Structures are given as C-alpha cells and as structure tokens.
Amino acid sequence: MSTFIALLRQHHQALETQYSRQLSHDMRQAIFAMLSCKTGQQGQSLWACSACEHHESQALSCGHRNCPQCQQSTTSTWLERQKQKRLPVQYYMTTFTLPYELRALARKRPKALYQIMFSVSASILKDFARRNKLGTIGFTSVLHTHSRRRELHPHIHIIVPNGGYDAKRKQWKQGKPGYLFNAKALAKVWRARIFEAINQHPELSLKDINIMPKQWVVHCKKVGYGLPALKYLSRYLYRGVLADKDIISHDHKNVTFRYTNSTTKKTETRTLPTLTFLMLILQHALPKGLQRVRDYGLLSSGARKIRLLIQFLLTEFTHLLPPSITPSKPKAKRACPCCQHQMLCTGVIRAG
C-alpha cells in the first residue's frame, strides 16, 4: 500500500475534524477514491493461469488521477503518444507562472483560474507566432500546481517546436536559431491578459490590483529535440504529487519528505505535522472535469496528417524521431505464483 494512503487511512477522522472547512468537494472525492483503492470496495478482477489450474482474484484500483497507486500505465501511454507527435526540430519549454498574490484565488476558485491560465497562455503563443509570421504552430501544455516543496505554485509548462507550418505554401517555416520568443515580452502580455480575463469572469474578481507585482515570470528554455522535457513532464502527470520513495520517515506526529532545491540543486528535507502534510498534498487535487494536459495546433489529435506531411518535408532529419507506431494501451499482466507462466484476466466483478 502507498505510504501516503496508509497515513490518510490512519488519520482520516482527525483530518476531517481539524480541516472540515478547508476540504473541498474534489479533495473529499480524492480521499474516498484513495481509501477504497485496492481494498475490494471497487470490485475484483479474476485471473486464471494459462499453463496450470491456478485461479485467483485481485482487488481493483480506484483509477483516480490523484491516487499514487494508479495511473502508471497512463503515464507511459501518454509519453509514447507524445513521442510519435514529435517533429524533427528544436524544441523550447516555456513556463507561465502565477504570482504568489493569486494563490488565494487559486485555492478558492481553482477550476476557473486554471482554465484561464490555459486559454491565456495558448492565445499568447499563437499571437506571438503570428507576429513572427511562423504560420500555424503546435504545442503541448501541462498544468503543475506545486513547487518542489509541494506548496501551491500554479504554473503551466508548454513544449513548443521552434517553427510553424505555412498552409498556403505547404512549407515548414523554421524559427530563429537559438530563440523562440522574448521572455520579458511574454511576461508583460501574460500579466495584462490574466488581469483582463479574471475581471471578465463571472466567478472571479481582483479586489486590489495595486498589490500585484509589476513584473511576472515567464521562462523560455531550449530543450533539444523535446524528449528530455517530455520525460520530465511525464513524471508529474499521473503519479501523484509526491512519490512514496521521497517520504523518508513518518510517525504518529510528523512526516519527513525529501525534495530537490530548485536553486542549489541539492537534496533537502522537510518535516511537517502529519495532518499538515496530508493537507499539503491534498490541496493539489484537481477539480473534476479539468484537463491537466492539452495539445494545440499542430500537436492536436486532429492534425495527424499535417504532422506526417511536415515530417516528410523534413525528411533529412527523420533519423531524430522514433519509427511511427501508433501506441496501444498496455494490457494488465500477472505471473502465476505457481508456475510463473502468464495469467489471463477472465473477468471483472464490480462492487454493487
């Protein structure tokens, strides 16, 4: 069992008592799913050995996207799918970050604010590409809500190929070598459009815009041909906020976990009271219906033919890409404890 889920099960009642007002509906749904994961409450899968007469059953996983025991296969499937979408050009990772002063709004109205972050960041990149006459561009946006210390720190990582497609001429237009867009210019537009979108939203408002920092942060970094950045993002997509291996000690009162300091790159530890630690992780439970990952333009699902055409146009660079294989969802596998042959799933019994 996951260490986090074990702690959650042990301290669930105390958590409800101390943080009943802070626990949102989405947090409670995540808690319910994790506490029932692999306990039999979801149902059971039935297995039979292909070589001997051994039969057994296994409790089903909850499948919740915030559960640290689930989604491993989803992560690998996403990464394989993104590999097939790669274009043989240089990539950049652009990161749009919300300032500290907006974190309270993110806690209060996360779904509305995160939707705005996606739409505004996407519109900015498209507009900058249009100004630079790159044609149609493509990118993949991934929402992260935490810092290395697991505090609330909403930001969007965007993987962008350096170039665009001219549909009229059917040509690939390469972006400037070693340069995507000016980060300071991106940050100025990011700040202005976020304010505008918040003020126009029926559920959001800014009481005092004067307390907001004048300079916001947008990073733009070259990431080679994209694969290292995709692998980096995949580690945080579907595997929970904190890996079990990083929880190095815990008792009835405290939990200690390790993290990498973003400035020094050194491993550090953080110790918190158990209930505080549980809330630290649970605050990152995403609202129902909110997509954490979104593909735009040339990297969207509907642009497969154009991507193949671009890869053909850039034929001399196709050795930089893996062979085009449509990724399939991996099937569940189990080895027979008696003879080690592969077992077959013969059915699923859902809990009533």
Protein backbone atom coordinates (compact mmCIF):
# COMPACT_ATOMS: atom_id res chain seq x y z
CA MET A 1 0.00 0.00 0.00
CA SER A 2 1.09 3.56 -0.69
CA THR A 3 2.64 5.30 2.32
CA PHE A 4 0.51 8.37 1.70
CA ILE A 5 -2.71 6.31 1.57
CA ALA A 6 -1.68 4.46 4.74
CA LEU A 7 -1.22 7.80 6.51
CA LEU A 8 -4.51 9.04 5.11
CA ARG A 9 -6.34 5.97 6.36
CA GLN A 10 -4.78 6.26 9.81
CA HIS A 11 -5.53 9.99 10.22
CA HIS A 12 -8.68 10.41 8.13
CA GLN A 13 -11.03 11.18 11.01
CA ALA A 14 -8.63 13.65 12.61
CA LEU A 15 -8.18 15.34 9.23
CA GLU A 16 -11.95 15.73 8.83
CA THR A 17 -12.22 17.17 12.33
CA GLN A 18 -9.41 19.71 12.01
CA TYR A 19 -9.83 20.74 8.36
CA SER A 20 -13.54 20.21 7.67
CA ARG A 21 -13.95 23.73 6.24
CA GLN A 22 -10.84 23.61 4.07
CA LEU A 23 -11.61 20.23 2.49
CA SER A 24 -13.25 20.87 -0.88
CA HIS A 25 -15.62 18.51 -2.68
CA ASP A 26 -12.81 17.49 -5.05
CA MET A 27 -10.47 16.75 -2.13
CA ARG A 28 -13.13 14.57 -0.47
CA GLN A 29 -13.71 12.69 -3.72
CA ALA A 30 -9.98 12.04 -4.00
CA ILE A 31 -9.86 10.86 -0.37
CA PHE A 32 -12.80 8.49 -0.89
CA ALA A 33 -11.21 7.01 -4.01
CA MET A 34 -7.78 6.53 -2.43
CA LEU A 35 -9.19 4.94 0.74
CA SER A 36 -11.11 2.41 -1.36
CA CYS A 37 -8.25 1.70 -3.79
CA LYS A 38 -7.27 -1.99 -3.90
CA THR A 39 -9.44 -2.80 -0.88
CA GLY A 40 -12.18 -4.74 -2.68
CA GLN A 41 -14.68 -1.88 -2.38
CA GLN A 42 -14.32 -1.15 -6.10
CA GLY A 43 -14.69 -4.81 -7.06
CA GLN A 44 -12.33 -7.58 -8.17
CA SER A 45 -10.61 -8.84 -11.30
CA LEU A 46 -10.50 -12.61 -11.91
CA TRP A 47 -7.35 -14.33 -13.19
CA ALA A 48 -6.56 -17.82 -14.50
CA CYS A 49 -3.17 -19.30 -15.34
CA SER A 50 -2.61 -20.25 -18.97
CA ALA A 51 -0.49 -23.27 -18.03
CA CYS A 52 -1.84 -24.70 -14.78
CA GLU A 53 -5.15 -24.73 -12.89
CA HIS A 54 -4.35 -21.83 -10.56
CA HIS A 55 -7.06 -19.18 -10.18
CA GLU A 56 -7.08 -16.01 -8.10
CA SER A 57 -8.76 -12.63 -7.73
CA GLN A 58 -7.32 -9.16 -7.21
CA ALA A 59 -8.92 -6.04 -5.75
CA LEU A 60 -9.46 -3.31 -8.34
CA SER A 61 -7.67 0.01 -8.28
CA CYS A 62 -9.68 3.21 -7.91
CA GLY A 63 -8.28 4.74 -11.11
CA HIS A 64 -8.45 8.26 -9.63
CA ARG A 65 -5.91 10.62 -11.21
CA ASN A 66 -4.70 11.84 -7.80
CA CYS A 67 -4.09 8.33 -6.47
CA PRO A 68 -0.37 7.44 -6.10
CA GLN A 69 -1.19 3.74 -6.65
CA CYS A 70 -2.81 4.23 -10.06
CA GLN A 71 -2.13 5.73 -13.49
CA GLN A 72 1.38 4.31 -14.09
CA SER A 73 0.24 2.79 -17.39
CA THR A 74 -1.47 6.06 -18.30
CA THR A 75 1.86 7.86 -17.89
CA SER A 76 3.74 5.51 -20.21
CA THR A 77 0.93 5.61 -22.80
CA TRP A 78 0.94 9.43 -22.79
CA LEU A 79 4.71 9.55 -23.21
CA GLU A 80 4.64 7.13 -26.15
CA ARG A 81 1.88 9.12 -27.81
CA GLN A 82 3.84 12.35 -27.42
CA LYS A 83 6.96 10.73 -28.86
CA GLN A 84 5.04 9.89 -32.03
CA LYS A 85 3.93 13.51 -32.35
CA ARG A 86 7.43 14.96 -32.19
CA LEU A 87 8.69 16.96 -35.13
CA PRO A 88 12.40 16.76 -36.09
CA VAL A 89 13.15 20.34 -34.98
CA GLN A 90 14.48 22.11 -31.91
CA TYR A 91 12.01 22.47 -29.04
CA TYR A 92 11.54 25.04 -26.28
CA MET A 93 9.85 24.76 -22.90
CA THR A 94 8.00 27.93 -22.00
CA THR A 95 6.73 28.23 -18.42
CA PHE A 96 3.99 30.67 -17.41
CA THR A 97 3.78 31.18 -13.63
CA LEU A 98 1.11 32.79 -11.44
CA PRO A 99 2.48 35.17 -8.78
CA TYR A 100 2.16 34.42 -5.08
CA GLU A 101 -0.59 37.04 -4.69
CA LEU A 102 -3.01 34.97 -6.81
CA ARG A 103 -2.62 31.71 -4.89
CA ALA A 104 -5.52 32.53 -2.57
CA LEU A 105 -7.75 32.85 -5.64
CA ALA A 106 -6.40 29.54 -6.93
CA ARG A 107 -7.48 27.88 -3.67
CA LYS A 108 -10.93 29.47 -3.79
CA ARG A 109 -11.75 29.03 -7.50
CA PRO A 110 -9.18 26.59 -8.91
CA LYS A 111 -11.14 25.36 -11.92
CA ALA A 112 -11.98 28.83 -13.23
CA LEU A 113 -8.47 30.19 -12.71
CA TYR A 114 -6.68 27.17 -14.18
CA GLN A 115 -8.93 27.29 -17.26
CA ILE A 116 -7.92 30.93 -17.69
CA MET A 117 -4.24 30.01 -17.39
CA PHE A 118 -4.61 27.51 -20.24
CA SER A 119 -6.58 29.80 -22.56
CA VAL A 120 -4.45 32.90 -21.95
CA SER A 121 -1.07 31.16 -22.33
CA ALA A 122 -2.25 29.45 -25.53
CA SER A 123 -3.53 32.73 -27.01
CA ILE A 124 -0.23 34.48 -26.23
CA LEU A 125 1.89 31.88 -28.01
CA LYS A 126 -0.40 31.88 -31.06
CA ASP A 127 -0.29 35.69 -31.24
CA PHE A 128 3.50 35.83 -30.93
CA ALA A 129 3.81 33.20 -33.66
CA ARG A 130 1.53 35.28 -35.87
CA ARG A 131 3.62 38.41 -35.26
CA ASN A 132 6.74 36.48 -36.24
CA LYS A 133 4.96 35.13 -39.36
CA LEU A 134 5.52 31.49 -38.40
CA GLY A 135 2.11 30.31 -39.62
CA THR A 136 0.37 27.57 -37.65
CA ILE A 137 2.34 26.37 -34.64
CA GLY A 138 1.76 23.49 -32.22
CA PHE A 139 2.41 22.95 -28.54
CA THR A 140 1.54 20.80 -25.54
CA SER A 141 0.51 22.50 -22.28
CA VAL A 142 0.80 20.78 -18.88
CA LEU A 143 -0.55 22.24 -15.64
CA HIS A 144 1.54 21.87 -12.49
CA THR A 145 0.18 23.17 -9.21
CA HIS A 146 3.07 22.60 -6.80
CA SER A 147 6.60 23.73 -6.09
CA ARG A 148 9.47 21.42 -5.14
CA ARG A 149 8.44 21.90 -1.50
CA ARG A 150 4.87 20.93 -2.54
CA GLU A 151 3.41 24.35 -1.75
CA LEU A 152 0.68 25.67 -4.01
CA HIS A 153 2.51 27.16 -7.00
CA PRO A 154 0.36 27.09 -10.16
CA HIS A 155 2.28 27.20 -13.43
CA ILE A 156 1.96 25.85 -16.95
CA HIS A 157 4.81 24.15 -18.81
CA ILE A 158 4.45 24.34 -22.59
CA ILE A 159 6.54 22.30 -25.04
CA VAL A 160 6.84 24.21 -28.33
CA PRO A 161 8.54 23.16 -31.60
CA ASN A 162 10.61 26.05 -32.97
CA GLY A 163 8.76 26.80 -36.18
CA GLY A 164 5.38 26.73 -37.90
CA TYR A 165 3.55 25.47 -40.96
CA ASP A 166 2.56 27.71 -43.86
CA ALA A 167 -0.64 26.10 -45.16
CA LYS A 168 -0.79 28.19 -48.33
CA ARG A 169 2.72 27.31 -49.49
CA LYS A 170 2.74 23.92 -47.77
CA GLN A 171 6.09 24.74 -46.25
CA TRP A 172 7.68 24.45 -42.82
CA LYS A 173 9.00 27.78 -41.61
CA GLN A 174 11.89 27.39 -39.20
CA GLY A 175 12.02 29.76 -36.23
CA LYS A 176 15.09 31.80 -35.35
CA PRO A 177 18.00 29.55 -34.29
CA GLY A 178 18.55 29.60 -30.54
CA TYR A 179 15.49 31.78 -29.95
CA LEU A 180 11.73 31.33 -29.64
CA PHE A 181 10.09 34.48 -28.23
CA ASN A 182 11.28 37.22 -25.88
CA ALA A 183 10.52 36.07 -22.33
CA LYS A 184 10.09 39.60 -20.93
CA ALA A 185 7.61 40.48 -23.67
CA LEU A 186 5.71 37.24 -22.98
CA ALA A 187 5.57 38.09 -19.26
CA LYS A 188 4.13 41.58 -19.86
CA VAL A 189 1.34 40.22 -22.05
CA TRP A 190 0.77 37.31 -19.62
CA ARG A 191 0.19 39.76 -16.74
CA ALA A 192 -2.15 42.04 -18.71
CA ARG A 193 -4.28 39.24 -20.17
CA ILE A 194 -4.64 37.37 -16.88
CA PHE A 195 -5.98 40.53 -15.23
CA GLU A 196 -8.36 41.10 -18.13
CA ALA A 197 -9.64 37.51 -18.11
CA ILE A 198 -10.16 37.49 -14.33
CA ASN A 199 -12.11 40.74 -14.37
CA GLN A 200 -14.34 39.44 -17.18
CA HIS A 201 -15.06 36.12 -15.45
CA PRO A 202 -18.38 35.92 -13.52
CA GLU A 203 -16.87 33.87 -10.66
CA LEU A 204 -13.58 35.75 -10.23
CA SER A 205 -12.52 39.21 -9.16
CA LEU A 206 -9.43 41.14 -8.07
CA LYS A 207 -10.08 43.39 -5.09
CA ASP A 208 -6.87 45.39 -5.30
CA ILE A 209 -4.79 45.20 -8.45
CA ASN A 210 -2.19 47.53 -6.91
CA ILE A 211 -0.85 44.79 -4.63
CA MET A 212 0.08 42.67 -7.65
CA PRO A 213 3.75 42.62 -8.67
CA LYS A 214 4.65 44.72 -11.70
CA GLN A 215 6.91 42.05 -13.17
CA TRP A 216 5.70 38.49 -13.71
CA VAL A 217 7.77 35.43 -14.55
CA VAL A 218 7.84 33.58 -17.86
CA HIS A 219 10.77 31.28 -18.67
CA CYS A 220 11.73 30.15 -22.17
CA LYS A 221 14.37 27.42 -22.38
CA LYS A 222 15.77 25.34 -25.24
CA VAL A 223 15.21 21.61 -24.63
CA GLY A 224 16.88 19.97 -27.62
CA TYR A 225 14.56 17.76 -29.64
CA GLY A 226 11.92 17.63 -26.92
CA LEU A 227 12.34 14.13 -25.48
CA PRO A 228 14.03 15.08 -22.14
CA ALA A 229 11.33 17.67 -21.46
CA LEU A 230 8.55 15.18 -22.24
CA LYS A 231 10.10 12.63 -19.88
CA TYR A 232 10.39 15.30 -17.18
CA LEU A 233 6.73 16.28 -17.52
CA SER A 234 5.54 12.67 -17.62
CA ARG A 235 6.95 12.04 -14.14
CA TYR A 236 4.49 14.51 -12.65
CA LEU A 237 1.40 13.88 -14.73
CA TYR A 238 -0.34 10.83 -13.32
CA ARG A 239 1.79 9.60 -10.44
CA GLY A 240 0.60 11.79 -7.62
CA VAL A 241 2.18 14.88 -6.09
CA LEU A 242 4.83 13.07 -4.03
CA ALA A 243 6.39 9.69 -4.74
CA ASP A 244 6.45 7.17 -1.88
CA LYS A 245 10.22 6.87 -2.16
CA ASP A 246 10.51 10.54 -1.18
CA ILE A 247 8.66 10.04 2.11
CA ILE A 248 11.69 9.07 4.16
CA SER A 249 10.18 8.82 7.65
CA HIS A 250 6.88 9.17 9.50
CA ASP A 251 5.39 8.51 12.89
CA HIS A 252 2.11 9.38 14.63
CA LYS A 253 3.00 13.08 14.83
CA ASN A 254 5.29 14.03 11.92
CA VAL A 255 6.18 13.21 8.32
CA THR A 256 9.54 13.95 6.68
CA PHE A 257 10.00 14.02 2.91
CA ARG A 258 12.84 14.98 0.62
CA TYR A 259 12.92 17.27 -2.37
CA THR A 260 15.44 18.93 -4.66
CA ASN A 261 16.10 22.61 -4.01
CA SER A 262 15.44 24.39 -7.33
CA THR A 263 18.22 26.94 -6.67
CA THR A 264 21.05 24.83 -5.23
CA LYS A 265 20.01 21.53 -6.93
CA LYS A 266 20.77 19.81 -3.61
CA THR A 267 18.51 17.34 -1.84
CA GLU A 268 16.81 18.78 1.23
CA THR A 269 14.22 17.51 3.70
CA ARG A 270 11.07 18.99 5.12
CA THR A 271 9.29 17.83 8.28
CA LEU A 272 5.64 18.67 8.96
CA PRO A 273 2.92 17.58 11.40
CA THR A 274 1.07 14.66 9.82
CA LEU A 275 -2.24 16.46 9.28
CA THR A 276 -0.46 19.49 7.81
CA PHE A 277 1.41 17.16 5.45
CA LEU A 278 -1.81 15.47 4.31
CA MET A 279 -3.42 18.84 3.55
CA LEU A 280 -0.27 19.97 1.76
CA ILE A 281 -0.69 17.10 -0.70
CA LEU A 282 -4.49 17.13 -0.91
CA GLN A 283 -4.64 20.80 -1.91
CA HIS A 284 -3.34 19.72 -5.33
CA ALA A 285 -6.37 17.53 -6.10
CA LEU A 286 -7.60 18.92 -9.41
CA PRO A 287 -11.24 19.91 -9.93
CA LYS A 288 -13.44 17.38 -11.68
CA GLY A 289 -13.52 17.84 -15.44
CA LEU A 290 -10.34 19.90 -15.64
CA GLN A 291 -7.84 18.55 -18.17
CA ARG A 292 -4.27 18.70 -16.88
CA VAL A 293 -2.73 18.22 -20.36
CA ARG A 294 -3.82 19.87 -23.60
CA ASP A 295 -2.47 19.70 -27.16
CA TYR A 296 -2.86 22.64 -29.51
CA GLY A 297 -2.42 23.34 -33.23
CA LEU A 298 -0.01 21.02 -35.00
CA LEU A 299 0.23 18.74 -31.95
CA SER A 300 -3.53 18.29 -31.53
CA SER A 301 -5.17 14.95 -32.30
CA GLY A 302 -6.82 16.36 -35.43
CA ALA A 303 -3.54 17.44 -37.03
CA ARG A 304 -2.02 13.99 -37.63
CA LYS A 305 -1.99 14.32 -41.44
CA ILE A 306 -0.27 17.71 -41.29
CA ARG A 307 2.35 16.32 -38.85
CA LEU A 308 3.11 13.47 -41.23
CA LEU A 309 3.44 15.98 -44.07
CA ILE A 310 5.85 18.11 -42.03
CA GLN A 311 7.92 15.05 -41.15
CA PHE A 312 8.04 14.24 -44.87
CA LEU A 313 9.12 17.81 -45.69
CA LEU A 314 11.91 17.50 -43.13
CA THR A 315 12.94 14.05 -44.38
CA GLU A 316 16.66 14.54 -43.86
CA PHE A 317 16.05 14.91 -40.12
CA THR A 318 13.71 11.95 -39.62
CA HIS A 319 16.51 9.90 -38.04
CA LEU A 320 15.95 12.09 -34.96
CA LEU A 321 12.49 10.60 -34.49
CA PRO A 322 11.37 7.10 -33.46
CA PRO A 323 9.56 4.97 -36.05
CA SER A 324 5.88 5.90 -36.43
CA ILE A 325 3.99 3.34 -34.37
CA THR A 326 0.52 4.01 -33.02
CA PRO A 327 0.79 3.41 -29.24
CA SER A 328 -1.68 0.94 -27.81
CA LYS A 329 -2.92 0.78 -24.26
CA PRO A 330 -0.85 -1.81 -22.38
CA LYS A 331 -2.75 -4.83 -21.11
CA ALA A 332 -2.62 -5.83 -17.47
CA LYS A 333 -0.20 -8.70 -16.85
CA ARG A 334 0.32 -11.09 -13.95
CA ALA A 335 2.67 -14.02 -13.44
CA CYS A 336 1.31 -17.22 -11.93
CA PRO A 337 2.72 -17.71 -8.40
CA CYS A 338 2.77 -21.48 -9.01
CA CYS A 339 4.49 -21.89 -12.39
CA GLN A 340 5.42 -18.28 -13.39
CA HIS A 341 3.51 -18.52 -16.67
CA GLN A 342 1.38 -15.58 -17.78
CA MET A 343 -2.08 -15.36 -16.25
CA LEU A 344 -5.16 -14.24 -18.20
CA CYS A 345 -7.84 -11.89 -16.93
CA THR A 346 -11.11 -13.81 -17.25
CA GLY A 347 -13.50 -11.14 -15.98
CA VAL A 348 -14.25 -8.27 -13.64
CA ILE A 349 -16.78 -8.18 -10.82
CA ARG A 350 -17.80 -4.63 -9.96
CA ALA A 351 -18.90 -3.80 -6.44
CA GLY A 352 -22.62 -3.20 -6.17
